[in-house]
PDB file of N, CA and C in Angstrom:
ATOM      1  N   MET A   1       0.806  -1.174   0.000  1.00  0.00           N
ATOM      2  CA  MET A   1       0.000   0.000   0.000  1.00  0.00           C
ATOM      3  C   MET A   1       0.861   1.254   0.000  1.00  0.00           C
ATOM      4  N   HIS A   2       1.940   1.183   0.641  1.00  0.00           N
ATOM      5  CA  HIS A   2       2.835   2.329   0.720  1.00  0.00           C
ATOM      6  C   HIS A   2       3.407   2.675  -0.648  1.00  0.00           C
ATOM      7  N   ARG A   3       3.756   1.619  -1.451  1.00  0.00           N
ATOM      8  CA  ARG A   3       4.306   1.845  -2.783  1.00  0.00           C
ATOM      9  C   ARG A   3       3.257   2.448  -3.710  1.00  0.00           C
ATOM     10  N   GLY A   4       2.043   2.025  -3.641  1.00  0.00           N
ATOM     11  CA  GLY A   4       0.961   2.563  -4.459  1.00  0.00           C
ATOM     12  C   GLY A   4       0.717   4.042  -4.148  1.00  0.00           C
ATOM     13  N   PHE A   5       0.799   4.371  -2.878  1.00  0.00           N
ATOM     14  CA  PHE A   5       0.614   5.760  -2.478  1.00  0.00           C
ATOM     15  C   PHE A   5       1.720   6.648  -3.044  1.00  0.00           C
ATOM     16  N   LEU A   6       2.954   6.168  -3.005  1.00  0.00           N
ATOM     17  CA  LEU A   6       4.085   6.934  -3.543  1.00  0.00           C
ATOM     18  C   LEU A   6       3.964   7.102  -5.049  1.00  0.00           C
ATOM     19  N   ARG A   7       3.491   6.023  -5.717  1.00  0.00           N
ATOM     20  CA  ARG A   7       3.336   6.092  -7.162  1.00  0.00           C
ATOM     21  C   ARG A   7       2.292   7.153  -7.524  1.00  0.00           C
ATOM     22  N   VAL A   8       1.181   7.192  -6.831  1.00  0.00           N
ATOM     23  CA  VAL A   8       0.129   8.179  -7.094  1.00  0.00           C
ATOM     24  C   VAL A   8       0.669   9.582  -6.806  1.00  0.00           C
ATOM     25  N   GLN A   9       1.389   9.707  -5.730  1.00  0.00           N
ATOM     26  CA  GLN A   9       1.942  11.014  -5.352  1.00  0.00           C
ATOM     27  C   GLN A   9       2.958  11.480  -6.391  1.00  0.00           C
ATOM     28  N   ASN A  10       3.817  10.600  -6.917  1.00  0.00           N
ATOM     29  CA  ASN A  10       4.794  10.950  -7.939  1.00  0.00           C
ATOM     30  C   ASN A  10       4.110  11.342  -9.245  1.00  0.00           C
ATOM     31  N   GLU A  11       3.040  10.633  -9.596  1.00  0.00           N
ATOM     32  CA  GLU A  11       2.319  10.971 -10.824  1.00  0.00           C
ATOM     33  C   GLU A  11       1.647  12.332 -10.704  1.00  0.00           C
ATOM     34  N   GLU A  12       1.076  12.622  -9.562  1.00  0.00           N
ATOM     35  CA  GLU A  12       0.459  13.931  -9.352  1.00  0.00           C
ATOM     36  C   GLU A  12       1.517  15.036  -9.416  1.00  0.00           C
ATOM     37  N   LYS A  13       2.648  14.747  -8.832  1.00  0.00           N
ATOM     38  CA  LYS A  13       3.743  15.715  -8.844  1.00  0.00           C
ATOM     39  C   LYS A  13       4.215  15.960 -10.276  1.00  0.00           C
ATOM     40  N   ARG A  14       4.335  14.879 -11.051  1.00  0.00           N
ATOM     41  CA  ARG A  14       4.755  14.989 -12.437  1.00  0.00           C
ATOM     42  C   ARG A  14       3.719  15.771 -13.249  1.00  0.00           C
ATOM     43  N   LYS A  15       2.431  15.522 -13.008  1.00  0.00           N
ATOM     44  CA  LYS A  15       1.383  16.252 -13.711  1.00  0.00           C
ATOM     45  C   LYS A  15       1.440  17.748 -13.379  1.00  0.00           C
ATOM     46  N   ARG A  16       1.671  18.083 -12.122  1.00  0.00           N
ATOM     47  CA  ARG A  16       1.785  19.490 -11.729  1.00  0.00           C
ATOM     48  C   ARG A  16       2.994  20.150 -12.383  1.00  0.00           C
ATOM     49  N   ILE A  17       4.090  19.412 -12.451  1.00  0.00           N
ATOM     50  CA  ILE A  17       5.302  19.963 -13.085  1.00  0.00           C
ATOM     51  C   ILE A  17       5.046  20.179 -14.573  1.00  0.00           C
ATOM     52  N   ILE A  18       4.422  19.205 -15.220  1.00  0.00           N
ATOM     53  CA  ILE A  18       4.116  19.337 -16.648  1.00  0.00           C
ATOM     54  C   ILE A  18       3.174  20.518 -16.871  1.00  0.00           C
ATOM     55  N   ALA A  19       2.177  20.679 -16.020  1.00  0.00           N
ATOM     56  CA  ALA A  19       1.241  21.804 -16.143  1.00  0.00           C
ATOM     57  C   ALA A  19       1.973  23.129 -15.939  1.00  0.00           C
ATOM     58  N   ALA A  20       2.879  23.185 -14.955  1.00  0.00           N
ATOM     59  CA  ALA A  20       3.619  24.419 -14.691  1.00  0.00           C
ATOM     60  C   ALA A  20       4.540  24.770 -15.862  1.00  0.00           C
ATOM     61  N   VAL A  21       5.203  23.766 -16.414  1.00  0.00           N
ATOM     62  CA  VAL A  21       6.077  23.987 -17.562  1.00  0.00           C
ATOM     63  C   VAL A  21       5.258  24.443 -18.764  1.00  0.00           C
ATOM     64  N   THR A  22       4.103  23.863 -18.970  1.00  0.00           N
ATOM     65  CA  THR A  22       3.226  24.247 -20.079  1.00  0.00           C
ATOM     66  C   THR A  22       2.767  25.689 -19.918  1.00  0.00           C
ATOM     67  N   VAL A  23       2.340  26.058 -18.730  1.00  0.00           N
ATOM     68  CA  VAL A  23       1.904  27.437 -18.475  1.00  0.00           C
ATOM     69  C   VAL A  23       3.060  28.398 -18.686  1.00  0.00           C
ATOM     70  N   ALA A  24       4.236  28.067 -18.185  1.00  0.00           N
ATOM     71  CA  ALA A  24       5.406  28.936 -18.361  1.00  0.00           C
ATOM     72  C   ALA A  24       5.746  29.087 -19.836  1.00  0.00           C
ATOM     73  N   GLY A  25       5.657  27.996 -20.585  1.00  0.00           N
ATOM     74  CA  GLY A  25       5.931  28.052 -22.027  1.00  0.00           C
ATOM     75  C   GLY A  25       4.929  28.929 -22.758  1.00  0.00           C
ATOM     76  N   VAL A  26       3.653  28.781 -22.425  1.00  0.00           N
ATOM     77  CA  VAL A  26       2.616  29.596 -23.067  1.00  0.00           C
ATOM     78  C   VAL A  26       2.815  31.071 -22.727  1.00  0.00           C
ATOM     79  N   VAL A  27       3.110  31.369 -21.474  1.00  0.00           N
ATOM     80  CA  VAL A  27       3.355  32.766 -21.066  1.00  0.00           C
ATOM     81  C   VAL A  27       4.556  33.324 -21.811  1.00  0.00           C
ATOM     82  N   LEU A  28       5.615  32.541 -21.938  1.00  0.00           N
ATOM     83  CA  LEU A  28       6.797  32.990 -22.665  1.00  0.00           C
ATOM     84  C   LEU A  28       6.462  33.270 -24.125  1.00  0.00           C
ATOM     85  N   ILE A  29       5.696  32.385 -24.752  1.00  0.00           N
ATOM     86  CA  ILE A  29       5.313  32.579 -26.156  1.00  0.00           C
ATOM     87  C   ILE A  29       4.464  33.841 -26.304  1.00  0.00           C
ATOM     88  N   VAL A  30       3.536  34.065 -25.387  1.00  0.00           N
ATOM     89  CA  VAL A  30       2.692  35.271 -25.451  1.00  0.00           C
ATOM     90  C   VAL A  30       3.549  36.526 -25.293  1.00  0.00           C
ATOM     91  N   ILE A  31       4.486  36.508 -24.366  1.00  0.00           N
ATOM     92  CA  ILE A  31       5.360  37.670 -24.167  1.00  0.00           C
ATOM     93  C   ILE A  31       6.210  37.922 -25.408  1.00  0.00           C
ATOM     94  N   LEU A  32       6.785  36.872 -25.973  1.00  0.00           N
ATOM     95  CA  LEU A  32       7.591  37.036 -27.185  1.00  0.00           C
ATOM     96  C   LEU A  32       6.743  37.543 -28.350  1.00  0.00           C
ATOM     97  N   PHE A  33       5.524  37.061 -28.477  1.00  0.00           N
ATOM     98  CA  PHE A  33       4.621  37.517 -29.519  1.00  0.00           C
ATOM     99  C   PHE A  33       4.304  39.003 -29.330  1.00  0.00           C
ATOM    100  N   ALA A  34       4.065  39.418 -28.095  1.00  0.00           N
ATOM    101  CA  ALA A  34       3.791  40.833 -27.806  1.00  0.00           C
ATOM    102  C   ALA A  34       5.000  41.699 -28.166  1.00  0.00           C
ATOM    103  N   VAL A  35       6.198  41.226 -27.884  1.00  0.00           N
ATOM    104  CA  VAL A  35       7.410  41.973 -28.218  1.00  0.00           C
ATOM    105  C   VAL A  35       7.550  42.104 -29.735  1.00  0.00           C
ATOM    106  N   VAL A  36       7.276  41.039 -30.454  1.00  0.00           N
ATOM    107  CA  VAL A  36       7.358  41.073 -31.919  1.00  0.00           C
ATOM    108  C   VAL A  36       6.341  42.062 -32.485  1.00  0.00           C
ATOM    109  N   ILE A  37       5.115  42.027 -31.987  1.00  0.00           N
ATOM    110  CA  ILE A  37       4.081  42.966 -32.439  1.00  0.00           C
ATOM    111  C   ILE A  37       4.515  44.400 -32.146  1.00  0.00           C
ATOM    112  N   TYR A  38       5.042  44.650 -30.949  1.00  0.00           N
ATOM    113  CA  TYR A  38       5.514  45.986 -30.586  1.00  0.00           C
ATOM    114  C   TYR A  38       6.614  46.446 -31.546  1.00  0.00           C
ATOM    115  N   GLN A  39       7.535  45.571 -31.868  1.00  0.00           N
ATOM    116  CA  GLN A  39       8.630  45.935 -32.766  1.00  0.00           C
ATOM    117  C   GLN A  39       8.106  46.249 -34.171  1.00  0.00           C
ATOM    118  N   ILE A  40       7.138  45.483 -34.650  1.00  0.00           N
ATOM    119  CA  ILE A  40       6.564  45.736 -35.973  1.00  0.00           C
ATOM    120  C   ILE A  40       5.884  47.102 -35.995  1.00  0.00           C
ATOM    121  N   VAL A  41       5.110  47.400 -34.961  1.00  0.00           N
ATOM    122  CA  VAL A  41       4.442  48.702 -34.875  1.00  0.00           C
ATOM    123  C   VAL A  41       5.474  49.816 -34.809  1.00  0.00           C
ATOM    124  N   ASP A  42       6.512  49.628 -34.017  1.00  0.00           N
ATOM    125  CA  ASP A  42       7.564  50.637 -33.879  1.00  0.00           C
ATOM    126  C   ASP A  42       8.263  50.887 -35.218  1.00  0.00           C
ATOM    127  N   ILE A  43       8.529  49.833 -35.969  1.00  0.00           N
ATOM    128  CA  ILE A  43       9.162  49.974 -37.285  1.00  0.00           C
ATOM    129  C   ILE A  43       8.253  50.759 -38.222  1.00  0.00           C
ATOM    130  N   CYS A  44       6.959  50.459 -38.202  1.00  0.00           N
ATOM    131  CA  CYS A  44       6.012  51.183 -39.064  1.00  0.00           C
ATOM    132  C   CYS A  44       5.957  52.662 -38.697  1.00  0.00           C
ATOM    133  N   VAL A  45       5.961  52.963 -37.418  1.00  0.00           N
ATOM    134  CA  VAL A  45       5.934  54.361 -36.968  1.00  0.00           C
ATOM    135  C   VAL A  45       7.213  55.068 -37.397  1.00  0.00           C
ATOM    136  N   LEU A  46       8.341  54.420 -37.246  1.00  0.00           N
ATOM    137  CA  LEU A  46       9.616  55.035 -37.638  1.00  0.00           C
ATOM    138  C   LEU A  46       9.694  55.256 -39.141  1.00  0.00           C
ATOM    139  N   LYS A  47       9.161  54.322 -39.932  1.00  0.00           N
ATOM    140  CA  LYS A  47       9.150  54.503 -41.386  1.00  0.00           C
ATOM    141  C   LYS A  47       8.285  55.695 -41.771  1.00  0.00           C
ATOM    142  N   ALA A  48       7.130  55.831 -41.128  1.00  0.00           N
ATOM    143  CA  ALA A  48       6.248  56.969 -41.414  1.00  0.00           C
ATOM    144  C   ALA A  48       6.934  58.280 -41.030  1.00  0.00           C
ATOM    145  N   ARG A  49       7.609  58.288 -39.900  1.00  0.00           N
ATOM    146  CA  ARG A  49       8.324  59.495 -39.455  1.00  0.00           C
ATOM    147  C   ARG A  49       9.455  59.830 -40.420  1.00  0.00           C
ATOM    148  N   ARG A  50      10.168  58.801 -40.902  1.00  0.00           N
ATOM    149  CA  ARG A  50      11.246  59.023 -41.857  1.00  0.00           C
ATOM    150  C   ARG A  50      10.709  59.631 -43.151  1.00  0.00           C
ATOM    151  N   ASN A  51       9.582  59.102 -43.626  1.00  0.00           N
ATOM    152  CA  ASN A  51       8.973  59.646 -44.843  1.00  0.00           C
ATOM    153  C   ASN A  51       8.552  61.090 -44.639  1.00  0.00           C
ATOM    154  N   GLN A  52       7.993  61.394 -43.475  1.00  0.00           N
ATOM    155  CA  GLN A  52       7.584  62.764 -43.177  1.00  0.00           C
ATOM    156  C   GLN A  52       8.807  63.686 -43.157  1.00  0.00           C
ATOM    157  N   LEU A  53       9.885  63.259 -42.536  1.00  0.00           N
ATOM    158  CA  LEU A  53      11.098  64.067 -42.476  1.00  0.00           C
ATOM    159  C   LEU A  53      11.703  64.267 -43.865  1.00  0.00           C
ATOM    160  N   GLU A  54      11.639  63.241 -44.711  1.00  0.00           N
ATOM    161  CA  GLU A  54      12.143  63.384 -46.078  1.00  0.00           C
ATOM    162  C   GLU A  54      11.326  64.423 -46.848  1.00  0.00           C
ATOM    163  N   GLN A  55      10.002  64.406 -46.659  1.00  0.00           N
ATOM    164  CA  GLN A  55       9.151  65.391 -47.320  1.00  0.00           C
ATOM    165  C   GLN A  55       9.467  66.799 -46.826  1.00  0.00           C
ATOM    166  N   GLU A  56       9.643  66.951 -45.515  1.00  0.00           N
ATOM    167  CA  GLU A  56       9.995  68.256 -44.957  1.00  0.00           C
ATOM    168  C   GLU A  56      11.353  68.721 -45.482  1.00  0.00           C
ATOM    169  N   TYR A  57      12.304  67.809 -45.574  1.00  0.00           N
ATOM    170  CA  TYR A  57      13.634  68.137 -46.070  1.00  0.00           C
ATOM    171  C   TYR A  57      13.561  68.624 -47.514  1.00  0.00           C
ATOM    172  N   ASN A  58      12.810  67.899 -48.353  1.00  0.00           N
ATOM    173  CA  ASN A  58      12.660  68.308 -49.753  1.00  0.00           C
ATOM    174  C   ASN A  58      11.950  69.646 -49.872  1.00  0.00           C
ATOM    175  N   TYR A  59      10.954  69.882 -49.015  1.00  0.00           N
ATOM    176  CA  TYR A  59      10.252  71.168 -49.022  1.00  0.00           C
ATOM    177  C   TYR A  59      11.214  72.302 -48.652  1.00  0.00           C
ATOM    178  N   ILE A  60      12.034  72.077 -47.644  1.00  0.00           N
ATOM    179  CA  ILE A  60      12.995  73.098 -47.213  1.00  0.00           C
ATOM    180  C   ILE A  60      14.010  73.368 -48.320  1.00  0.00           C
ATOM    181  N   LEU A  61      14.467  72.309 -48.998  1.00  0.00           N
ATOM    182  CA  LEU A  61      15.392  72.511 -50.116  1.00  0.00           C
ATOM    183  C   LEU A  61      14.749  73.348 -51.213  1.00  0.00           C
ATOM    184  N   SER A  62      13.465  73.105 -51.493  1.00  0.00           N
ATOM    185  CA  SER A  62      12.789  73.903 -52.516  1.00  0.00           C
ATOM    186  C   SER A  62      12.639  75.349 -52.053  1.00  0.00           C
ATOM    187  N   GLN A  63      12.395  75.544 -50.748  1.00  0.00           N
ATOM    188  CA  GLN A  63      12.282  76.904 -50.224  1.00  0.00           C
ATOM    189  C   GLN A  63      13.627  77.623 -50.303  1.00  0.00           C
ATOM    190  N   VAL A  64      14.712  76.906 -50.055  1.00  0.00           N
ATOM    191  CA  VAL A  64      16.046  77.499 -50.180  1.00  0.00           C
ATOM    192  C   VAL A  64      16.285  77.912 -51.625  1.00  0.00           C
ATOM    193  N   GLY A  65      15.895  77.047 -52.550  1.00  0.00           N
ATOM    194  CA  GLY A  65      16.043  77.379 -53.970  1.00  0.00           C
ATOM    195  C   GLY A  65      15.245  78.612 -54.342  1.00  0.00           C
ATOM    196  N   GLN A  66      14.020  78.708 -53.830  1.00  0.00           N
ATOM    197  CA  GLN A  66      13.211  79.891 -54.101  1.00  0.00           C
ATOM    198  C   GLN A  66      13.827  81.124 -53.455  1.00  0.00           C
ATOM    199  N   GLY A  67      14.414  80.953 -52.275  1.00  0.00           N
ATOM    200  CA  GLY A  67      15.071  82.072 -51.595  1.00  0.00           C
ATOM    201  C   GLY A  67      16.267  82.570 -52.392  1.00  0.00           C
ATOM    202  N   GLU A  68      17.003  81.632 -52.974  1.00  0.00           N
ATOM    203  CA  GLU A  68      18.137  82.035 -53.807  1.00  0.00           C
ATOM    204  C   GLU A  68      17.663  82.808 -55.030  1.00  0.00           C
ATOM    205  N   ASP A  69      16.554  82.348 -55.629  1.00  0.00           N
ATOM    206  CA  ASP A  69      15.987  83.063 -56.773  1.00  0.00           C
ATOM    207  C   ASP A  69      15.533  84.460 -56.352  1.00  0.00           C
ATOM    208  N   TRP A  70      14.898  84.560 -55.177  1.00  0.00           N
ATOM    209  CA  TRP A  70      14.437  85.861 -54.682  1.00  0.00           C
ATOM    210  C   TRP A  70      15.627  86.781 -54.440  1.00  0.00           C
ATOM    211  N   LEU A  71      16.686  86.238 -53.855  1.00  0.00           N
ATOM    212  CA  LEU A  71      17.868  87.051 -53.563  1.00  0.00           C
ATOM    213  C   LEU A  71      18.496  87.563 -54.851  1.00  0.00           C
ATOM    214  N   GLU A  72      18.600  86.713 -55.852  1.00  0.00           N
ATOM    215  CA  GLU A  72      19.145  87.160 -57.134  1.00  0.00           C
ATOM    216  C   GLU A  72      18.267  88.254 -57.737  1.00  0.00           C
ATOM    217  N   ASN A  73      16.948  88.068 -57.666  1.00  0.00           N
ATOM    218  CA  ASN A  73      16.014  89.072 -58.167  1.00  0.00           C
ATOM    219  C   ASN A  73      16.149  90.375 -57.373  1.00  0.00           C
ATOM    220  N   TYR A  74      16.284  90.252 -56.055  1.00  0.00           N
ATOM    221  CA  TYR A  74      16.438  91.442 -55.204  1.00  0.00           C
ATOM    222  C   TYR A  74      17.708  92.200 -55.561  1.00  0.00           C
ATOM    223  N   GLU A  75      18.803  91.469 -55.733  1.00  0.00           N
ATOM    224  CA  GLU A  75      20.066  92.127 -56.059  1.00  0.00           C
ATOM    225  C   GLU A  75      19.993  92.844 -57.406  1.00  0.00           C
ATOM    226  N   LEU A  76      19.246  92.275 -58.358  1.00  0.00           N
ATOM    227  CA  LEU A  76      19.111  92.906 -59.668  1.00  0.00           C
ATOM    228  C   LEU A  76      18.241  94.162 -59.607  1.00  0.00           C
ATOM    229  N   HIS A  77      17.211  94.141 -58.763  1.00  0.00           N
ATOM    230  CA  HIS A  77      16.231  95.224 -58.733  1.00  0.00           C
ATOM    231  C   HIS A  77      16.138  95.864 -57.344  1.00  0.00           C
ATOM    232  N   GLU A  78      17.259  95.956 -56.653  1.00  0.00           N
ATOM    233  CA  GLU A  78      17.271  96.420 -55.270  1.00  0.00           C
ATOM    234  C   GLU A  78      16.677  97.815 -55.124  1.00  0.00           C
ATOM    235  N   ASP A  79      17.048  98.737 -55.967  1.00  0.00           N
ATOM    236  CA  ASP A  79      16.560 100.109 -55.846  1.00  0.00           C
ATOM    237  C   ASP A  79      15.052 100.178 -56.045  1.00  0.00           C
ATOM    238  N   GLU A  80      14.545  99.489 -57.037  1.00  0.00           N
ATOM    239  CA  GLU A  80      13.106  99.504 -57.305  1.00  0.00           C
ATOM    240  C   GLU A  80      12.317  98.886 -56.147  1.00  0.00           C
ATOM    241  N   ILE A  81      12.820  97.777 -55.621  1.00  0.00           N
ATOM    242  CA  ILE A  81      12.135  97.092 -54.521  1.00  0.00           C
ATOM    243  C   ILE A  81      12.117  97.962 -53.278  1.00  0.00           C
ATOM    244  N   LEU A  82      13.250  98.581 -52.941  1.00  0.00           N
ATOM    245  CA  LEU A  82      13.306  99.442 -51.763  1.00  0.00           C
ATOM    246  C   LEU A  82      12.389 100.650 -51.918  1.00  0.00           C
ATOM    247  N   TYR A  83      12.313 101.192 -53.105  1.00  0.00           N
ATOM    248  CA  TYR A  83      11.429 102.330 -53.362  1.00  0.00           C
ATOM    249  C   TYR A  83       9.966 101.923 -53.174  1.00  0.00           C
ATOM    250  N   GLN A  84       9.578 100.742 -53.699  1.00  0.00           N
ATOM    251  CA  GLN A  84       8.202 100.263 -53.549  1.00  0.00           C
ATOM    252  C   GLN A  84       7.873  99.991 -52.078  1.00  0.00           C
ATOM    253  N   LEU A  85       8.805  99.436 -51.353  1.00  0.00           N
ATOM    254  CA  LEU A  85       8.582  99.175 -49.924  1.00  0.00           C
ATOM    255  C   LEU A  85       8.448 100.481 -49.150  1.00  0.00           C
ATOM    256  N   ALA A  86       9.238 101.470 -49.497  1.00  0.00           N
ATOM    257  CA  ALA A  86       9.148 102.765 -48.828  1.00  0.00           C
ATOM    258  C   ALA A  86       7.776 103.392 -49.061  1.00  0.00           C
ATOM    259  N   ILE A  87       7.295 103.327 -50.280  1.00  0.00           N
ATOM    260  CA  ILE A  87       5.974 103.895 -50.600  1.00  0.00           C
ATOM    261  C   ILE A  87       4.875 103.136 -49.841  1.00  0.00           C
ATOM    262  N   GLN A  88       4.995 101.806 -49.767  1.00  0.00           N
ATOM    263  CA  GLN A  88       3.999 101.015 -49.044  1.00  0.00           C
ATOM    264  C   GLN A  88       3.966 101.360 -47.559  1.00  0.00           C
ATOM    265  N   ASN A  89       5.109 101.786 -47.028  1.00  0.00           N
ATOM    266  CA  ASN A  89       5.199 102.089 -45.591  1.00  0.00           C
ATOM    267  C   ASN A  89       5.039 103.586 -45.300  1.00  0.00           C
ATOM    268  N   GLY A  90       4.510 104.352 -46.244  1.00  0.00           N
ATOM    269  CA  GLY A  90       4.166 105.729 -45.960  1.00  0.00           C
ATOM    270  C   GLY A  90       5.136 106.772 -46.469  1.00  0.00           C
ATOM    271  N   TYR A  91       6.186 106.411 -47.151  1.00  0.00           N
ATOM    272  CA  TYR A  91       7.117 107.402 -47.695  1.00  0.00           C
ATOM    273  C   TYR A  91       6.446 108.126 -48.844  1.00  0.00           C
ATOM    274  N   ARG A  92       6.562 109.456 -48.846  1.00  0.00           N
ATOM    275  CA  ARG A  92       6.013 110.267 -49.936  1.00  0.00           C
ATOM    276  C   ARG A  92       7.156 110.965 -50.642  1.00  0.00           C
ATOM    277  N   PRO A  93       7.324 110.684 -51.934  1.00  0.00           N
ATOM    278  CA  PRO A  93       8.430 111.338 -52.656  1.00  0.00           C
ATOM    279  C   PRO A  93       8.166 112.832 -52.759  1.00  0.00           C
ATOM    280  N   ARG A  94       9.219 113.645 -52.791  1.00  0.00           N
ATOM    281  CA  ARG A  94       9.084 115.111 -52.874  1.00  0.00           C
ATOM    282  C   ARG A  94       9.079 115.569 -54.275  1.00  0.00           C
TER     283      ARG A  94
END
């Protein structure tokens, strides 16, 4: 009777260990899956941010180009532009 009791107790112990290992494995898989999902979302967000920054960079480059064109135009017609600005701001020629 003593041996039968030990056998039942060992089997119960083994079942509990198997259940604990199974639960730990499932929890580990869920955590790893959550990390993978987080990384995928993070990559998508970073790609969108990179695209936005590239668009802003290209816009700024175009604005610099327009500024250079304006500066060249200003240098060519500086006297006329200053005269027009003076008149707009209340200067009255004599």
